[in-house]
Amino acid sequence: MTGRLTVVTTERPASLGKTYRLTAAGMKKKTAGQMVEGTFEVQEFSDVQSLAQVLASIGADQAIMASLPKDGSISGRLVTKAERVNHPGALSRTKDCFGFEANQPGAVVLDYDPPVGTPALSRDQLWALLCAAVPGVETAGVLWWCSGSSHIYQGENEIQGLRGQRLYLLVQDLADTERFGEV
C-alpha cells in the first residue's frame, strides 16, 4: 500500500497550531493563526512506520491534511479562497480544491480532545473505546500520536500531561473517509 497525504507549510503567519505559555493564573493557550499563504506538498507513506516518519518531520509551520488536491498536483501554492483570483494556479484549503480520492490509500485522522476539566483517556483506554465502537478496526494499521496540548514542559517540570491525542488509521480508499466519519 502506498498512501498519500498533504503537508501544508505556512508562510503567513509564521506558524500554525497552538502555543502555550505559563502565567501567574496558569497555562494559557493561544491559537497561532489561520494560514493566509503558503505551500503544499503531497507525501507518500507505505506503512505505519513511514507515516510516523512523515509526522515526526512536521514543524511548527506545518500541518497535515488527509485530503489530496483534486487537480492531481503534488505541490504548489496555497492561498485563501478569496485570494485565488489574484494567484493563478494556487489552491485554497477548501473542498473546492481538496478531497478524498477514490481508490487511493491514505489515512483517516481521528482527533480526541477531552473536555476542559475532564481527565484524558490513556492511549490504551482510547484504543479500547475505538475498538468497541468500530468492530474490525483492530486489524487496521494504526498510529497513535499526541497533539500539541500534551506533555508540555517548563524545563524539566511537566506542566501538563497527556491531553489531546490523534489516531491515524490506514485506509485503502480515501473516498470512504467521510462515510466512516459519519458512521
Foldseek 3Di string as FASTA:
>chain_A
DKAKWKKWFAPPPNFAAWDWDQDPVGIDIDGPDDGAKTKMAMDIDDAPVRVVVVVVPDDRRMDIGQWDFPVPDGMDMEHDPVCCVVPPPHHYPDPVTTDFAFQHKTKQKDKDFDPPPDDADDPVRVVVVVCVVDPPLVPWRKDKDADPVAQDDDVVRGRHHGGMIMMITIDRTRNCNVVVVVD
